[in-house]
Amino acid sequence: FFFFFFFFKQKTAYEMLRSLVGSEMCIRDRVSTQSTWDSKKMLKLLFLTLTLSLVFARLGFDASAGPFNANHMSCMRRSGFTFAIFRGYCSYGAVDRNIRANIAAAHAGGIGDVGVYIFPCPRCGNPRNQVIATVNALRGLAYNTIWIDVERYAWNLNNKGYNRNFLAQMFDEATKHGKSTGIYTSSAEWSQIVGNDWTAGARFWLWWARWDGIGTLNNFQPFAGWRSCFIKQYLANRMICGVGYDANAKN
């Protein structure tokens, strides 16, 4: 067996983004994803994580920009990415205008495993309608999972009761449309928004944000009723093939 060690200070999504409070540029809900690393370091890390993915897990990406085309996606596929998750609903309260083009491009580029994430707008109200609007916008397109993004941007952290009720309605609505349902979050984000004593999300797949540079799922740390994760987001703010993305792994 060969073991690769990545020496990063491990941080949750919340810890790495404290300096961005009040900004729309939060995790994947952003416009630009230009990497701050130099290209040589990025390529070396990508090579190592691709190597790990071949042994331990499948490599995928999520993106909130676009519109992408088939050439972008075929390049991502050739680079080793086997699944994609695109933003379908924005935190300011509207369906992402690029979502249909991005899903179509992924399929045209040979990436058939496609999911969609909803970045809720708590101040907009109508949590069920946010899910319905997303689903209606995607009619006729092939995608497998609706992910609900739970991170502290835009939430009132002093009203966990409201946040719990809002998310419970979103979760319930997401299960009604013939797709799998999952939640994107980390322990720190979940704790801030709804509290780690609230386990209502544990019956859904977890997409775990843990930016430690390790493209495997075996270092998961249980919280809020989850004992494992389905996907791990392990690198953020990358750029390749003209696509700004975050790197993910799943078994």
C-alpha atoms as a PDB file:
ATOM      1  CA  PHE A   1       0.000   0.000   0.000  1.00  0.00           C
ATOM      2  CA  PHE A   2       1.151   3.503  -0.716  1.00  0.00           C
ATOM      3  CA  PHE A   3       0.086   6.313   1.561  1.00  0.00           C
ATOM      4  CA  PHE A   4       0.066   9.961   0.581  1.00  0.00           C
ATOM      5  CA  PHE A   5       0.108  12.573   3.317  1.00  0.00           C
ATOM      6  CA  PHE A   6      -1.121  16.110   2.782  1.00  0.00           C
ATOM      7  CA  PHE A   7      -0.023  18.574   5.429  1.00  0.00           C
ATOM      8  CA  PHE A   8      -2.812  21.137   5.619  1.00  0.00           C
ATOM      9  CA  LYS A   9      -4.338  22.875   8.602  1.00  0.00           C
ATOM     10  CA  GLN A  10      -7.737  21.243   8.631  1.00  0.00           C
ATOM     11  CA  LYS A  11     -10.606  23.730   8.585  1.00  0.00           C
ATOM     12  CA  THR A  12     -14.304  23.537   8.050  1.00  0.00           C
ATOM     13  CA  ALA A  13     -16.036  25.640   5.438  1.00  0.00           C
ATOM     14  CA  TYR A  14     -17.144  28.010   8.192  1.00  0.00           C
ATOM     15  CA  GLU A  15     -13.685  28.433   9.649  1.00  0.00           C
ATOM     16  CA  MET A  16     -12.121  29.159   6.282  1.00  0.00           C
ATOM     17  CA  LEU A  17     -14.735  31.767   5.393  1.00  0.00           C
ATOM     18  CA  ARG A  18     -15.055  33.858   8.536  1.00  0.00           C
ATOM     19  CA  SER A  19     -13.385  36.744   6.724  1.00  0.00           C
ATOM     20  CA  LEU A  20     -16.111  36.674   4.062  1.00  0.00           C
ATOM     21  CA  VAL A  21     -19.095  37.338   6.325  1.00  0.00           C
ATOM     22  CA  GLY A  22     -21.485  39.708   4.593  1.00  0.00           C
ATOM     23  CA  SER A  23     -20.210  38.804   1.163  1.00  0.00           C
ATOM     24  CA  GLU A  24     -22.046  36.867  -1.531  1.00  0.00           C
ATOM     25  CA  MET A  25     -18.752  35.118  -2.306  1.00  0.00           C
ATOM     26  CA  CYS A  26     -19.307  32.184   0.014  1.00  0.00           C
ATOM     27  CA  ILE A  27     -18.069  28.641  -0.701  1.00  0.00           C
ATOM     28  CA  ARG A  28     -19.723  27.731  -4.021  1.00  0.00           C
ATOM     29  CA  ASP A  29     -22.163  30.644  -4.132  1.00  0.00           C
ATOM     30  CA  ARG A  30     -19.750  32.899  -5.947  1.00  0.00           C
ATOM     31  CA  VAL A  31     -18.946  34.271  -9.367  1.00  0.00           C
ATOM     32  CA  SER A  32     -15.184  33.927  -9.638  1.00  0.00           C
ATOM     33  CA  THR A  33     -13.268  30.826  -8.609  1.00  0.00           C
ATOM     34  CA  GLN A  34      -9.760  31.858  -9.645  1.00  0.00           C
ATOM     35  CA  SER A  35      -7.215  29.936  -7.592  1.00  0.00           C
ATOM     36  CA  THR A  36      -4.770  31.850  -5.413  1.00  0.00           C
ATOM     37  CA  TRP A  37      -2.182  29.093  -5.641  1.00  0.00           C
ATOM     38  CA  ASP A  38       0.388  29.154  -8.371  1.00  0.00           C
ATOM     39  CA  SER A  39      -0.234  26.723 -11.205  1.00  0.00           C
ATOM     40  CA  LYS A  40       2.641  24.367 -10.395  1.00  0.00           C
ATOM     41  CA  LYS A  41       1.442  23.780  -6.833  1.00  0.00           C
ATOM     42  CA  MET A  42      -2.122  23.283  -8.019  1.00  0.00           C
ATOM     43  CA  LEU A  43      -1.103  20.752 -10.667  1.00  0.00           C
ATOM     44  CA  LYS A  44       1.017  18.800  -8.191  1.00  0.00           C
ATOM     45  CA  LEU A  45      -1.845  18.630  -5.696  1.00  0.00           C
ATOM     46  CA  LEU A  46      -4.319  17.698  -8.405  1.00  0.00           C
ATOM     47  CA  PHE A  47      -2.020  14.881  -9.552  1.00  0.00           C
ATOM     48  CA  LEU A  48      -1.786  13.492  -6.029  1.00  0.00           C
ATOM     49  CA  THR A  49      -5.519  13.719  -5.417  1.00  0.00           C
ATOM     50  CA  LEU A  50      -6.235  12.110  -8.771  1.00  0.00           C
ATOM     51  CA  THR A  51      -3.895   9.287  -7.753  1.00  0.00           C
ATOM     52  CA  LEU A  52      -5.738   8.903  -4.483  1.00  0.00           C
ATOM     53  CA  SER A  53      -9.075   8.921  -6.245  1.00  0.00           C
ATOM     54  CA  LEU A  54      -7.999   6.063  -8.481  1.00  0.00           C
ATOM     55  CA  VAL A  55      -7.274   3.963  -5.400  1.00  0.00           C
ATOM     56  CA  PHE A  56      -9.873   5.080  -2.886  1.00  0.00           C
ATOM     57  CA  ALA A  57     -12.726   7.107  -4.387  1.00  0.00           C
ATOM     58  CA  ARG A  58     -14.316   8.691  -7.423  1.00  0.00           C
ATOM     59  CA  LEU A  59     -13.371  12.284  -8.153  1.00  0.00           C
ATOM     60  CA  GLY A  60     -16.001  14.906  -8.943  1.00  0.00           C
ATOM     61  CA  PHE A  61     -16.533  18.647  -8.879  1.00  0.00           C
ATOM     62  CA  ASP A  62     -19.130  21.269  -8.071  1.00  0.00           C
ATOM     63  CA  ALA A  63     -19.448  24.646  -9.780  1.00  0.00           C
ATOM     64  CA  SER A  64     -21.602  27.755  -9.569  1.00  0.00           C
ATOM     65  CA  ALA A  65     -20.375  29.651 -12.616  1.00  0.00           C
ATOM     66  CA  GLY A  66     -20.971  29.113 -16.320  1.00  0.00           C
ATOM     67  CA  PRO A  67     -22.478  28.693 -18.700  1.00  0.00           C
ATOM     68  CA  PHE A  68     -20.199  25.796 -19.521  1.00  0.00           C
ATOM     69  CA  ASN A  69     -20.144  23.913 -22.788  1.00  0.00           C
ATOM     70  CA  ALA A  70     -19.377  20.357 -23.899  1.00  0.00           C
ATOM     71  CA  ASN A  71     -15.701  21.183 -24.436  1.00  0.00           C
ATOM     72  CA  HIS A  72     -15.344  22.341 -20.834  1.00  0.00           C
ATOM     73  CA  MET A  73     -16.994  19.189 -19.564  1.00  0.00           C
ATOM     74  CA  SER A  74     -15.153  16.741 -21.811  1.00  0.00           C
ATOM     75  CA  CYS A  75     -11.904  18.321 -20.592  1.00  0.00           C
ATOM     76  CA  MET A  76     -13.040  17.806 -16.997  1.00  0.00           C
ATOM     77  CA  ARG A  77     -13.871  14.192 -17.771  1.00  0.00           C
ATOM     78  CA  ARG A  78     -10.444  13.618 -19.347  1.00  0.00           C
ATOM     79  CA  SER A  79      -8.909  15.167 -16.229  1.00  0.00           C
ATOM     80  CA  GLY A  80     -10.438  12.397 -14.134  1.00  0.00           C
ATOM     81  CA  PHE A  81     -13.721  13.882 -12.918  1.00  0.00           C
ATOM     82  CA  THR A  82     -16.631  11.442 -13.025  1.00  0.00           C
ATOM     83  CA  PHE A  83     -19.479  13.403 -11.449  1.00  0.00           C
ATOM     84  CA  ALA A  84     -20.656  17.017 -11.323  1.00  0.00           C
ATOM     85  CA  ILE A  85     -22.924  19.099  -9.090  1.00  0.00           C
ATOM     86  CA  PHE A  86     -24.145  22.483 -10.289  1.00  0.00           C
ATOM     87  CA  ARG A  87     -25.894  25.318  -8.491  1.00  0.00           C
ATOM     88  CA  GLY A  88     -29.575  25.348  -9.351  1.00  0.00           C
ATOM     89  CA  TYR A  89     -30.865  28.061  -7.024  1.00  0.00           C
ATOM     90  CA  CYS A  90     -29.049  31.169  -5.769  1.00  0.00           C
ATOM     91  CA  SER A  91     -28.947  32.675  -2.287  1.00  0.00           C
ATOM     92  CA  TYR A  92     -30.562  35.890  -3.522  1.00  0.00           C
ATOM     93  CA  GLY A  93     -33.755  34.008  -4.341  1.00  0.00           C
ATOM     94  CA  ALA A  94     -33.782  32.955  -7.998  1.00  0.00           C
ATOM     95  CA  VAL A  95     -33.071  29.926 -10.166  1.00  0.00           C
ATOM     96  CA  ASP A  96     -29.512  29.959 -11.519  1.00  0.00           C
ATOM     97  CA  ARG A  97     -29.754  31.143 -15.120  1.00  0.00           C
ATOM     98  CA  ASN A  98     -26.944  28.786 -16.184  1.00  0.00           C
ATOM     99  CA  ILE A  99     -28.236  25.574 -14.679  1.00  0.00           C
ATOM    100  CA  ARG A 100     -29.900  24.122 -17.768  1.00  0.00           C
ATOM    101  CA  ALA A 101     -26.896  24.838 -19.979  1.00  0.00           C
ATOM    102  CA  ASN A 102     -24.491  23.399 -17.398  1.00  0.00           C
ATOM    103  CA  ILE A 103     -26.384  20.126 -17.009  1.00  0.00           C
ATOM    104  CA  ALA A 104     -26.733  19.728 -20.773  1.00  0.00           C
ATOM    105  CA  ALA A 105     -23.015  20.438 -21.212  1.00  0.00           C
ATOM    106  CA  ALA A 106     -22.073  17.815 -18.635  1.00  0.00           C
ATOM    107  CA  HIS A 107     -24.019  15.123 -20.461  1.00  0.00           C
ATOM    108  CA  ALA A 108     -22.682  16.242 -23.841  1.00  0.00           C
ATOM    109  CA  GLY A 109     -19.149  16.115 -22.424  1.00  0.00           C
ATOM    110  CA  GLY A 110     -19.535  12.561 -21.141  1.00  0.00           C
ATOM    111  CA  ILE A 111     -20.321  13.226 -17.466  1.00  0.00           C
ATOM    112  CA  GLY A 112     -23.611  11.491 -16.796  1.00  0.00           C
ATOM    113  CA  ASP A 113     -23.611  11.568 -12.982  1.00  0.00           C
ATOM    114  CA  VAL A 114     -25.059  15.032 -12.339  1.00  0.00           C
ATOM    115  CA  GLY A 115     -26.603  16.610  -9.251  1.00  0.00           C
ATOM    116  CA  VAL A 116     -28.050  20.031  -8.444  1.00  0.00           C
ATOM    117  CA  TYR A 117     -27.720  22.095  -5.282  1.00  0.00           C
ATOM    118  CA  ILE A 118     -30.070  24.705  -3.909  1.00  0.00           C
ATOM    119  CA  PHE A 119     -28.554  27.617  -2.005  1.00  0.00           C
ATOM    120  CA  PRO A 120     -31.544  28.691   0.128  1.00  0.00           C
ATOM    121  CA  CYS A 121     -32.724  32.256   0.550  1.00  0.00           C
ATOM    122  CA  PRO A 122     -34.091  32.323   4.136  1.00  0.00           C
ATOM    123  CA  ARG A 123     -35.064  36.003   4.003  1.00  0.00           C
ATOM    124  CA  CYS A 124     -37.153  35.306   0.888  1.00  0.00           C
ATOM    125  CA  GLY A 125     -39.487  32.919   2.720  1.00  0.00           C
ATOM    126  CA  ASN A 126     -41.461  30.195   0.913  1.00  0.00           C
ATOM    127  CA  PRO A 127     -38.928  27.374   1.359  1.00  0.00           C
ATOM    128  CA  ARG A 128     -41.060  24.880  -0.533  1.00  0.00           C
ATOM    129  CA  ASN A 129     -41.427  27.233  -3.477  1.00  0.00           C
ATOM    130  CA  GLN A 130     -37.646  27.533  -3.763  1.00  0.00           C
ATOM    131  CA  VAL A 131     -37.420  23.797  -4.297  1.00  0.00           C
ATOM    132  CA  ILE A 132     -40.393  23.748  -6.662  1.00  0.00           C
ATOM    133  CA  ALA A 133     -38.956  26.604  -8.744  1.00  0.00           C
ATOM    134  CA  THR A 134     -35.702  24.707  -9.129  1.00  0.00           C
ATOM    135  CA  VAL A 135     -37.376  21.454 -10.092  1.00  0.00           C
ATOM    136  CA  ASN A 136     -39.663  23.196 -12.588  1.00  0.00           C
ATOM    137  CA  ALA A 137     -36.671  24.885 -14.212  1.00  0.00           C
ATOM    138  CA  LEU A 138     -35.030  21.500 -14.748  1.00  0.00           C
ATOM    139  CA  ARG A 139     -37.895  19.723 -16.474  1.00  0.00           C
ATOM    140  CA  GLY A 140     -36.668  17.474 -19.252  1.00  0.00           C
ATOM    141  CA  LEU A 141     -33.094  17.310 -17.933  1.00  0.00           C
ATOM    142  CA  ALA A 142     -31.403  14.276 -16.376  1.00  0.00           C
ATOM    143  CA  TYR A 143     -30.029  14.747 -12.861  1.00  0.00           C
ATOM    144  CA  ASN A 144     -30.058  12.422  -9.885  1.00  0.00           C
ATOM    145  CA  THR A 145     -29.928  14.381  -6.615  1.00  0.00           C
ATOM    146  CA  ILE A 146     -31.241  17.599  -5.099  1.00  0.00           C
ATOM    147  CA  TRP A 147     -28.763  18.910  -2.537  1.00  0.00           C
ATOM    148  CA  ILE A 148     -29.759  21.536   0.035  1.00  0.00           C
ATOM    149  CA  ASP A 149     -26.807  23.796   0.872  1.00  0.00           C
ATOM    150  CA  VAL A 150     -26.678  24.559   4.601  1.00  0.00           C
ATOM    151  CA  GLU A 151     -23.985  27.082   5.440  1.00  0.00           C
ATOM    152  CA  ARG A 152     -24.211  30.168   7.578  1.00  0.00           C
ATOM    153  CA  TYR A 153     -24.275  32.840   4.896  1.00  0.00           C
ATOM    154  CA  ALA A 154     -27.679  34.622   4.846  1.00  0.00           C
ATOM    155  CA  TRP A 155     -29.073  32.798   7.903  1.00  0.00           C
ATOM    156  CA  ASN A 156     -30.156  34.441  11.151  1.00  0.00           C
ATOM    157  CA  LEU A 157     -27.914  32.607  13.592  1.00  0.00           C
ATOM    158  CA  ASN A 158     -29.958  33.889  16.531  1.00  0.00           C
ATOM    159  CA  ASN A 159     -33.127  32.097  15.460  1.00  0.00           C
ATOM    160  CA  LYS A 160     -32.426  28.399  15.196  1.00  0.00           C
ATOM    161  CA  GLY A 161     -36.124  27.604  15.529  1.00  0.00           C
ATOM    162  CA  TYR A 162     -36.929  29.512  12.334  1.00  0.00           C
ATOM    163  CA  ASN A 163     -33.966  27.935  10.556  1.00  0.00           C
ATOM    164  CA  ARG A 164     -35.032  24.429  11.563  1.00  0.00           C
ATOM    165  CA  ASN A 165     -38.587  24.958  10.370  1.00  0.00           C
ATOM    166  CA  PHE A 166     -37.420  26.497   7.092  1.00  0.00           C
ATOM    167  CA  LEU A 167     -35.049  23.631   6.336  1.00  0.00           C
ATOM    168  CA  ALA A 168     -37.531  20.959   7.416  1.00  0.00           C
ATOM    169  CA  GLN A 169     -39.939  22.272   4.789  1.00  0.00           C
ATOM    170  CA  MET A 170     -37.221  22.322   2.143  1.00  0.00           C
ATOM    171  CA  PHE A 171     -36.162  18.773   2.959  1.00  0.00           C
ATOM    172  CA  ASP A 172     -39.728  17.524   2.841  1.00  0.00           C
ATOM    173  CA  GLU A 173     -40.439  19.215  -0.486  1.00  0.00           C
ATOM    174  CA  ALA A 174     -37.217  17.916  -2.025  1.00  0.00           C
ATOM    175  CA  THR A 175     -38.312  14.329  -1.388  1.00  0.00           C
ATOM    176  CA  LYS A 176     -41.488  14.759  -3.461  1.00  0.00           C
ATOM    177  CA  HIS A 177     -39.956  15.036  -6.924  1.00  0.00           C
ATOM    178  CA  GLY A 178     -38.514  11.621  -7.657  1.00  0.00           C
ATOM    179  CA  LYS A 179     -34.904  12.501  -6.927  1.00  0.00           C
ATOM    180  CA  SER A 180     -32.532  11.557  -4.147  1.00  0.00           C
ATOM    181  CA  THR A 181     -32.143  14.210  -1.451  1.00  0.00           C
ATOM    182  CA  GLY A 182     -28.951  15.288   0.267  1.00  0.00           C
ATOM    183  CA  ILE A 183     -27.520  18.049   2.456  1.00  0.00           C
ATOM    184  CA  TYR A 184     -24.290  19.989   2.010  1.00  0.00           C
ATOM    185  CA  THR A 185     -22.826  21.199   5.312  1.00  0.00           C
ATOM    186  CA  SER A 186     -20.113  20.810   7.930  1.00  0.00           C
ATOM    187  CA  SER A 187     -20.292  20.364  11.678  1.00  0.00           C
ATOM    188  CA  ALA A 188     -19.430  24.015  12.294  1.00  0.00           C
ATOM    189  CA  GLU A 189     -21.992  25.305   9.787  1.00  0.00           C
ATOM    190  CA  TRP A 190     -24.767  23.006  11.020  1.00  0.00           C
ATOM    191  CA  SER A 191     -24.055  23.898  14.635  1.00  0.00           C
ATOM    192  CA  GLN A 192     -24.240  27.623  13.921  1.00  0.00           C
ATOM    193  CA  ILE A 193     -27.475  27.445  11.928  1.00  0.00           C
ATOM    194  CA  VAL A 194     -29.616  24.759  13.583  1.00  0.00           C
ATOM    195  CA  GLY A 195     -27.503  23.210  16.337  1.00  0.00           C
ATOM    196  CA  ASN A 196     -25.838  19.809  16.324  1.00  0.00           C
ATOM    197  CA  ASP A 197     -28.591  18.501  18.595  1.00  0.00           C
ATOM    198  CA  TRP A 198     -31.009  18.738  15.643  1.00  0.00           C
ATOM    199  CA  THR A 199     -30.763  15.424  13.804  1.00  0.00           C
ATOM    200  CA  ALA A 200     -33.575  15.883  11.275  1.00  0.00           C
ATOM    201  CA  GLY A 201     -31.100  15.910   8.407  1.00  0.00           C
ATOM    202  CA  ALA A 202     -29.432  12.617   9.275  1.00  0.00           C
ATOM    203  CA  ARG A 203     -31.892  10.566   7.197  1.00  0.00           C
ATOM    204  CA  PHE A 204     -30.539  12.215   4.056  1.00  0.00           C
ATOM    205  CA  TRP A 205     -27.209  11.800   2.309  1.00  0.00           C
ATOM    206  CA  LEU A 206     -24.472  14.089   3.615  1.00  0.00           C
ATOM    207  CA  TRP A 207     -22.167  16.084   1.373  1.00  0.00           C
ATOM    208  CA  TRP A 208     -19.494  16.974   3.909  1.00  0.00           C
ATOM    209  CA  ALA A 209     -17.359  20.127   3.601  1.00  0.00           C
ATOM    210  CA  ARG A 210     -13.883  19.349   4.914  1.00  0.00           C
ATOM    211  CA  TRP A 211     -11.116  21.189   3.078  1.00  0.00           C
ATOM    212  CA  ASP A 212      -8.169  19.060   4.147  1.00  0.00           C
ATOM    213  CA  GLY A 213      -6.875  18.186   0.669  1.00  0.00           C
ATOM    214  CA  ILE A 214      -7.518  14.474   1.219  1.00  0.00           C
ATOM    215  CA  GLY A 215      -9.696  12.900  -1.461  1.00  0.00           C
ATOM    216  CA  THR A 216     -11.056  10.067   0.661  1.00  0.00           C
ATOM    217  CA  LEU A 217     -14.050   9.680   2.975  1.00  0.00           C
ATOM    218  CA  ASN A 218     -12.493   7.584   5.719  1.00  0.00           C
ATOM    219  CA  ASN A 219     -11.635  10.479   8.048  1.00  0.00           C
ATOM    220  CA  PHE A 220     -15.257  11.521   8.551  1.00  0.00           C
ATOM    221  CA  GLN A 221     -16.129  12.824  12.011  1.00  0.00           C
ATOM    222  CA  PRO A 222     -19.757  12.097  13.059  1.00  0.00           C
ATOM    223  CA  PHE A 223     -22.096  14.936  13.972  1.00  0.00           C
ATOM    224  CA  ALA A 224     -25.836  15.688  14.182  1.00  0.00           C
ATOM    225  CA  GLY A 225     -26.791  12.042  13.671  1.00  0.00           C
ATOM    226  CA  TRP A 226     -24.637  11.428  10.587  1.00  0.00           C
ATOM    227  CA  ARG A 227     -22.281   8.471  10.947  1.00  0.00           C
ATOM    228  CA  SER A 228     -20.831   8.689   7.453  1.00  0.00           C
ATOM    229  CA  CYS A 229     -20.807  10.974   4.451  1.00  0.00           C
ATOM    230  CA  PHE A 230     -21.807  10.239   0.866  1.00  0.00           C
ATOM    231  CA  ILE A 231     -19.594  12.913  -0.694  1.00  0.00           C
ATOM    232  CA  LYS A 232     -16.695  14.882   0.731  1.00  0.00           C
ATOM    233  CA  GLN A 233     -15.741  18.314  -0.573  1.00  0.00           C
ATOM    234  CA  TYR A 234     -12.022  18.318   0.137  1.00  0.00           C
ATOM    235  CA  LEU A 235     -10.604  21.194  -1.939  1.00  0.00           C
ATOM    236  CA  ALA A 236     -12.094  24.588  -2.757  1.00  0.00           C
ATOM    237  CA  ASN A 237     -11.434  27.359  -5.224  1.00  0.00           C
ATOM    238  CA  ARG A 238      -9.660  25.429  -7.993  1.00  0.00           C
ATOM    239  CA  MET A 239      -9.402  26.139 -11.711  1.00  0.00           C
ATOM    240  CA  ILE A 240      -8.829  23.746 -14.621  1.00  0.00           C
ATOM    241  CA  CYS A 241     -10.209  23.402 -18.154  1.00  0.00           C
ATOM    242  CA  GLY A 242     -11.546  26.943 -17.873  1.00  0.00           C
ATOM    243  CA  VAL A 243     -13.847  25.782 -15.068  1.00  0.00           C
ATOM    244  CA  GLY A 244     -13.784  27.205 -11.554  1.00  0.00           C
ATOM    245  CA  TYR A 245     -14.665  24.351  -9.224  1.00  0.00           C
ATOM    246  CA  ASP A 246     -14.411  22.681  -5.828  1.00  0.00           C
ATOM    247  CA  ALA A 247     -13.082  19.113  -5.719  1.00  0.00           C
ATOM    248  CA  ASN A 248     -15.150  16.289  -4.239  1.00  0.00           C
ATOM    249  CA  ALA A 249     -14.792  12.565  -3.671  1.00  0.00           C
ATOM    250  CA  LYS A 250     -17.268   9.742  -3.231  1.00  0.00           C
ATOM    251  CA  ASN A 251     -17.005   5.972  -3.121  1.00  0.00           C
END
